[in-house]
């Protein structure tokens, strides 16, 4: 394990996670036979080496796209529903941060350069982007980190203890949409409570999702996203935006009518749908069986996908 960020090396004598048995590397040797795996958010490391086999693990396509600081500032402003002028302020802040911290802004931009590396992806959304950049199938492999939901409750126990709650993550939500949705629900369905998933421990998140009848995600889906997968596992009915990986039927396989554009005229139909999901909860849960099976499949296949990747490395990096 080698810790660094945008060209800056972080010195540490232990790995950050107690359950990881990897050793700390003091340097990356640029020699044939070595492999370096980097996240899509920090591909600049690959530009430093000529002999090593480079691998990019695409966990969030949005992190790569926002390596361009103006795109990062613009996108965050749009997704949060902030005034457009706020994008300029964010952009200046991002630029100053790079200057202050001496971080490198280099990343793999050109399609020709991307084609030199092997790519692990966790969503069809990312894979489709890579194919459009000229990455061939023999340089692509699915590898999605599974969620580690552990529960002693069976499905019926969870369903029987549900309350009229809509859970949501405020850090991802479009502020304008969220404000309008809350106002609509308060006027027409005042018995429904909203609970923010923020500043919670893992246990508190699980307890909240076990109680909630609906999980609402108004954000951009740069990848498979953790909390929606936890929510569906705990038998929440799901309502999302139609952005990013939520735009296709592979990464977030829920009925299309449960995915909404982030615009004002979506508020009423979205709220009426959530009200139905709460009042007639059990009638909707089966509509998410495919999504639940998809999430469980990620857990079951992860070790096998790791083995496939190791076989590729052994075969192509002797």
Protein backbone atom coordinates (compact mmCIF):
# COMPACT_ATOMS: atom_id res chain seq x y z
CA UNK A 1 0.00 0.00 0.00
CA UNK A 2 1.35 3.40 -1.00
CA UNK A 3 -0.35 6.52 0.32
CA UNK A 4 -0.33 9.75 -1.66
CA UNK A 5 -2.58 12.34 -3.28
CA UNK A 6 -2.03 14.26 -6.50
CA UNK A 7 1.72 13.79 -6.47
CA UNK A 8 2.20 14.31 -2.73
CA UNK A 9 3.51 11.32 -0.76
CA UNK A 10 2.05 10.67 2.68
CA UNK A 11 4.41 9.06 5.17
CA UNK A 12 2.80 6.48 7.41
CA UNK A 13 3.95 3.28 9.08
CA UNK A 14 0.60 1.49 9.06
CA UNK A 15 -2.42 0.99 6.83
CA UNK A 16 -5.53 3.02 7.57
CA UNK A 17 -7.85 0.04 7.98
CA UNK A 18 -7.31 -2.54 10.71
CA UNK A 19 -8.65 -5.42 8.63
CA UNK A 20 -6.15 -4.80 5.81
CA UNK A 21 -3.03 -6.97 6.00
CA UNK A 22 -1.08 -5.13 3.29
CA UNK A 23 2.38 -3.77 3.99
CA UNK A 24 3.37 -0.15 3.49
CA UNK A 25 5.54 0.60 0.44
CA UNK A 26 8.15 3.35 0.80
CA UNK A 27 8.40 3.90 -2.94
CA UNK A 28 7.00 2.69 -6.26
CA UNK A 29 9.65 0.95 -8.35
CA UNK A 30 9.23 1.56 -12.07
CA UNK A 31 10.25 -1.90 -13.25
CA UNK A 32 8.59 -4.58 -15.43
CA UNK A 33 6.58 -7.00 -13.35
CA UNK A 34 5.29 -4.35 -10.96
CA UNK A 35 1.67 -3.22 -10.97
CA UNK A 36 0.23 0.04 -9.66
CA UNK A 37 -3.51 0.42 -9.13
CA UNK A 38 -4.77 3.99 -8.83
CA UNK A 39 -8.26 5.46 -8.36
CA UNK A 40 -9.83 7.39 -11.23
CA UNK A 41 -9.65 10.51 -9.06
CA UNK A 42 -5.82 10.51 -9.07
CA UNK A 43 -4.53 9.08 -12.35
CA UNK A 44 -1.57 11.46 -12.50
CA UNK A 45 0.60 8.84 -10.81
CA UNK A 46 0.50 6.73 -13.98
CA UNK A 47 2.16 9.50 -15.98
CA UNK A 48 5.30 9.10 -13.85
CA UNK A 49 6.10 5.52 -14.85
CA UNK A 50 7.09 3.87 -18.14
CA UNK A 51 7.76 0.23 -17.26
CA UNK A 52 5.11 -0.55 -14.69
CA UNK A 53 1.69 -2.01 -15.54
CA UNK A 54 -0.86 0.69 -14.76
CA UNK A 55 -4.41 -0.09 -13.65
CA UNK A 56 -7.22 2.41 -13.02
CA UNK A 57 -10.04 1.38 -10.70
CA UNK A 58 -13.10 3.43 -11.63
CA UNK A 59 -15.10 3.82 -8.44
CA UNK A 60 -16.71 7.14 -9.41
CA UNK A 61 -16.66 8.46 -12.96
CA UNK A 62 -17.57 11.89 -11.63
CA UNK A 63 -14.32 12.07 -9.65
CA UNK A 64 -12.41 11.67 -12.91
CA UNK A 65 -14.47 14.20 -14.83
CA UNK A 66 -14.03 16.74 -12.06
CA UNK A 67 -10.24 16.50 -12.26
CA UNK A 68 -11.00 19.55 -14.39
CA UNK A 69 -11.53 22.13 -11.63
CA UNK A 70 -14.02 24.24 -13.59
CA UNK A 71 -16.13 21.16 -14.28
CA UNK A 72 -15.93 20.28 -10.59
CA UNK A 73 -17.12 23.73 -9.53
CA UNK A 74 -19.86 23.92 -12.16
CA UNK A 75 -21.22 20.43 -11.49
CA UNK A 76 -21.38 20.84 -7.73
CA UNK A 77 -23.21 24.13 -8.14
CA UNK A 78 -25.76 22.58 -10.49
CA UNK A 79 -26.36 19.47 -8.40
CA UNK A 80 -26.87 21.46 -5.20
CA UNK A 81 -29.18 23.95 -6.92
CA UNK A 82 -27.01 26.90 -5.92
CA UNK A 83 -26.98 30.21 -7.86
CA UNK A 84 -24.82 29.96 -11.00
CA UNK A 85 -22.43 32.67 -9.81
CA UNK A 86 -21.42 30.40 -6.94
CA UNK A 87 -19.60 28.19 -9.47
CA UNK A 88 -17.01 30.91 -10.01
CA UNK A 89 -16.37 31.19 -6.29
CA UNK A 90 -15.98 27.45 -5.98
CA UNK A 91 -13.60 27.36 -8.94
CA UNK A 92 -11.38 30.05 -7.39
CA UNK A 93 -11.39 28.18 -4.08
CA UNK A 94 -10.35 24.93 -5.79
CA UNK A 95 -7.53 26.70 -7.66
CA UNK A 96 -6.24 28.32 -4.47
CA UNK A 97 -6.35 24.97 -2.68
CA UNK A 98 -4.08 23.41 -5.29
CA UNK A 99 -1.67 26.32 -5.08
CA UNK A 100 -1.63 26.27 -1.28
CA UNK A 101 -1.12 22.53 -0.94
CA UNK A 102 1.30 22.12 -3.90
CA UNK A 103 -0.83 19.35 -5.33
CA UNK A 104 -0.28 18.28 -8.92
CA UNK A 105 -3.10 18.85 -11.40
CA UNK A 106 -1.81 16.30 -13.89
CA UNK A 107 -4.11 13.44 -14.82
CA UNK A 108 -4.55 11.06 -17.74
CA UNK A 109 -6.60 13.15 -20.18
CA UNK A 110 -6.06 11.80 -23.70
CA UNK A 111 -7.92 8.75 -24.95
CA UNK A 112 -4.68 7.40 -26.38
CA UNK A 113 -3.11 7.51 -22.93
CA UNK A 114 -6.11 5.90 -21.27
CA UNK A 115 -5.85 3.05 -23.77
CA UNK A 116 -2.40 2.14 -22.42
CA UNK A 117 -3.83 0.97 -19.12
CA UNK A 118 -6.05 -1.78 -17.73
CA UNK A 119 -9.40 -0.65 -16.32
CA UNK A 120 -11.49 -1.99 -13.46
CA UNK A 121 -15.00 -0.54 -13.36
CA UNK A 122 -17.86 -0.81 -10.87
CA UNK A 123 -20.71 0.48 -13.02
CA UNK A 124 -21.99 0.18 -16.55
CA UNK A 125 -22.06 3.97 -16.54
CA UNK A 126 -18.25 4.07 -16.24
CA UNK A 127 -17.74 1.18 -18.65
CA UNK A 128 -19.80 2.90 -21.32
CA UNK A 129 -17.72 6.06 -20.92
CA UNK A 130 -14.50 4.05 -21.30
CA UNK A 131 -15.73 2.25 -24.41
CA UNK A 132 -16.48 5.63 -25.97
CA UNK A 133 -12.87 6.61 -25.20
CA UNK A 134 -11.64 3.61 -27.19
CA UNK A 135 -10.97 1.15 -24.37
CA UNK A 136 -11.42 -2.39 -25.69
CA UNK A 137 -13.18 -5.19 -23.84
CA UNK A 138 -9.92 -7.07 -23.19
CA UNK A 139 -8.74 -4.07 -21.16
CA UNK A 140 -11.96 -3.83 -19.13
CA UNK A 141 -13.10 -5.84 -16.12
CA UNK A 142 -15.98 -5.46 -13.69
CA UNK A 143 -14.93 -5.11 -10.04
CA UNK A 144 -17.41 -3.60 -7.61
CA UNK A 145 -16.69 -3.29 -3.91
CA UNK A 146 -19.68 -4.88 -2.16
CA UNK A 147 -21.46 -3.40 0.81
CA UNK A 148 -21.01 -5.32 4.05
CA UNK A 149 -24.49 -5.20 5.50
CA UNK A 150 -24.81 -7.54 8.45
CA UNK A 151 -28.20 -8.05 10.07
CA UNK A 152 -29.71 -10.66 12.32
CA UNK A 153 -33.21 -9.48 11.40
CA UNK A 154 -35.08 -11.42 8.75
CA UNK A 155 -36.93 -9.65 5.98
CA UNK A 156 -40.36 -9.86 7.62
CA UNK A 157 -39.06 -8.48 10.92
CA UNK A 158 -37.65 -5.44 9.10
CA UNK A 159 -40.87 -4.91 7.14
CA UNK A 160 -43.04 -5.19 10.26
CA UNK A 161 -41.11 -2.44 12.05
CA UNK A 162 -41.24 0.21 9.35
CA UNK A 163 -42.46 3.74 10.09
CA UNK A 164 -43.71 6.61 7.94
CA UNK A 165 -40.19 7.88 7.34
CA UNK A 166 -38.36 9.13 4.26
CA UNK A 167 -34.58 8.87 4.72
CA UNK A 168 -32.22 10.92 2.58
CA UNK A 169 -28.62 12.12 2.33
CA UNK A 170 -28.62 15.96 2.44
CA UNK A 171 -25.01 16.30 1.26
CA UNK A 172 -25.99 14.90 -2.14
CA UNK A 173 -29.38 16.51 -2.52
CA UNK A 174 -30.32 19.31 -4.87
CA UNK A 175 -31.25 22.00 -2.32
CA UNK A 176 -34.06 23.54 -4.36
CA UNK A 177 -35.69 20.17 -5.02
CA UNK A 178 -35.34 19.10 -1.41
CA UNK A 179 -36.91 22.31 -0.13
CA UNK A 180 -39.88 21.97 -2.50
CA UNK A 181 -40.39 18.30 -1.70
CA UNK A 182 -40.39 18.91 2.04
CA UNK A 183 -42.86 21.76 1.65
CA UNK A 184 -45.20 19.64 -0.51
CA UNK A 185 -45.10 16.71 1.89
CA UNK A 186 -45.62 18.95 4.94
CA UNK A 187 -48.74 20.42 3.33
CA UNK A 188 -50.31 17.23 1.98
CA UNK A 189 -48.83 14.43 4.14
CA UNK A 190 -47.80 15.98 7.48
CA UNK A 191 -47.58 12.57 9.18
CA UNK A 192 -44.49 11.68 7.10
CA UNK A 193 -41.13 12.37 8.73
CA UNK A 194 -37.84 13.12 6.99
CA UNK A 195 -34.59 11.87 8.53
CA UNK A 196 -31.21 13.09 7.32
CA UNK A 197 -28.47 10.51 7.01
CA UNK A 198 -25.58 12.67 8.09
CA UNK A 199 -23.07 12.48 10.93
CA UNK A 200 -24.26 8.96 11.79
CA UNK A 201 -22.33 5.85 12.78
CA UNK A 202 -22.76 2.75 10.63
CA UNK A 203 -25.13 1.34 13.23
CA UNK A 204 -27.23 4.51 13.22
CA UNK A 205 -27.46 4.48 9.43
CA UNK A 206 -28.62 0.86 9.53
CA UNK A 207 -31.19 1.58 12.25
CA UNK A 208 -32.55 4.53 10.25
CA UNK A 209 -32.87 2.54 7.04
CA UNK A 210 -34.53 -0.33 8.85
CA UNK A 211 -37.25 2.07 10.03
CA UNK A 212 -37.66 4.08 6.82
CA UNK A 213 -40.25 3.09 4.24
CA UNK A 214 -38.64 5.23 1.52
CA UNK A 215 -35.07 6.16 0.69
CA UNK A 216 -34.90 9.32 -1.44
CA UNK A 217 -31.73 10.10 -3.40
CA UNK A 218 -31.78 13.45 -5.21
CA UNK A 219 -28.11 13.41 -6.12
CA UNK A 220 -25.85 12.48 -8.98
CA UNK A 221 -24.92 8.79 -9.16
CA UNK A 222 -21.21 8.69 -10.13
CA UNK A 223 -21.12 4.96 -9.40
CA UNK A 224 -23.29 2.32 -7.73
CA UNK A 225 -23.46 4.41 -4.50
CA UNK A 226 -23.38 2.81 -1.07
CA UNK A 227 -26.43 4.12 0.80
CA UNK A 228 -29.04 3.28 -1.88
CA UNK A 229 -27.67 -0.28 -1.90
CA UNK A 230 -27.93 -0.46 1.89
CA UNK A 231 -31.42 1.02 1.75
CA UNK A 232 -32.77 -1.54 -0.69
CA UNK A 233 -31.18 -4.33 1.34
CA UNK A 234 -33.13 -3.08 4.37
CA UNK A 235 -36.35 -3.12 2.32
CA UNK A 236 -36.72 0.60 1.74
CA UNK A 237 -38.69 1.61 -1.34
CA UNK A 238 -36.36 3.67 -3.54
CA UNK A 239 -36.85 6.96 -5.39
CA UNK A 240 -33.87 8.54 -7.19
CA UNK A 241 -32.75 11.14 -9.67
CA UNK A 242 -32.11 10.02 -13.25
CA UNK A 243 -28.51 11.28 -13.20
CA UNK A 244 -25.26 9.40 -13.77
CA UNK A 245 -25.43 5.65 -13.23
CA UNK A 246 -29.09 5.97 -12.20
CA UNK A 247 -29.84 6.79 -15.84
CA UNK A 248 -29.43 3.16 -16.94
CA UNK A 249 -31.23 -0.05 -15.97
CA UNK A 250 -28.08 -1.99 -15.06
CA UNK A 251 -26.50 -0.06 -12.20
CA UNK A 252 -29.72 0.97 -10.45
CA UNK A 253 -32.25 -1.61 -11.66
CA UNK A 254 -35.48 -0.11 -10.39
CA UNK A 255 -38.55 0.81 -12.47
CA UNK A 256 -37.98 3.85 -14.67
CA UNK A 257 -40.98 5.63 -13.23
CA UNK A 258 -39.16 5.79 -9.89
CA UNK A 259 -36.34 7.89 -11.37
CA UNK A 260 -36.99 11.61 -11.78
CA UNK A 261 -35.45 14.58 -13.54
CA UNK A 262 -34.25 17.24 -11.09
CA UNK A 263 -36.73 19.92 -12.12
CA UNK A 264 -39.63 21.67 -10.42
CA UNK A 265 -42.39 19.83 -12.28
CA UNK A 266 -41.05 16.53 -10.86
CA UNK A 267 -41.90 17.54 -7.28
CA UNK A 268 -45.61 16.73 -7.21
CA UNK A 269 -45.43 13.33 -8.97
CA UNK A 270 -42.38 12.36 -6.90
CA UNK A 271 -44.15 13.25 -3.65
CA UNK A 272 -47.36 11.48 -4.62
CA UNK A 273 -45.36 8.36 -5.48
CA UNK A 274 -43.56 8.43 -2.12
CA UNK A 275 -46.88 8.90 -0.32
CA UNK A 276 -48.23 5.78 -2.03
CA UNK A 277 -45.04 3.89 -1.15
CA UNK A 278 -45.61 4.80 2.50
CA UNK A 279 -49.36 4.26 2.73
CA UNK A 280 -49.26 0.98 0.78
CA UNK A 281 -45.72 -0.03 1.67
CA UNK A 282 -45.88 -3.79 1.12
CA UNK A 283 -47.38 -3.39 -2.37
CA UNK A 284 -44.20 -1.72 -3.58
CA UNK A 285 -41.37 -3.72 -1.97
CA UNK A 286 -41.41 -6.47 -4.59
CA UNK A 287 -40.64 -3.86 -7.26
CA UNK A 288 -37.14 -3.70 -5.80
CA UNK A 289 -36.40 -7.43 -5.68
CA UNK A 290 -34.24 -7.12 -8.81
CA UNK A 291 -32.18 -4.36 -7.21
CA UNK A 292 -31.78 -6.40 -4.00
CA UNK A 293 -30.62 -9.41 -5.99
CA UNK A 294 -28.17 -7.17 -7.87
CA UNK A 295 -26.65 -5.94 -4.60
CA UNK A 296 -26.44 -9.46 -3.18
CA UNK A 297 -24.78 -10.58 -6.41
CA UNK A 298 -22.05 -8.00 -5.93
CA UNK A 299 -21.25 -9.52 -2.55
CA UNK A 300 -21.14 -13.06 -3.90
CA UNK A 301 -18.99 -12.36 -6.97
CA UNK A 302 -16.40 -9.98 -5.49
CA UNK A 303 -13.83 -12.63 -4.51
CA UNK A 304 -14.24 -14.35 -7.87
CA UNK A 305 -13.67 -11.07 -9.71
CA UNK A 306 -10.50 -10.48 -7.67
CA UNK A 307 -9.27 -13.92 -8.78
CA UNK A 308 -9.98 -13.05 -12.43
CA UNK A 309 -7.99 -9.84 -12.09
CA UNK A 310 -5.06 -11.67 -10.48
CA UNK A 311 -5.08 -14.21 -13.31
CA UNK A 312 -4.91 -11.34 -15.81
CA UNK A 313 -1.93 -9.84 -13.98
CA UNK A 314 -0.09 -13.14 -13.88
CA UNK A 315 -0.71 -13.75 -17.58
CA UNK A 316 0.06 -10.26 -18.90
CA UNK A 317 2.73 -8.99 -16.55
CA UNK A 318 5.28 -11.80 -16.36
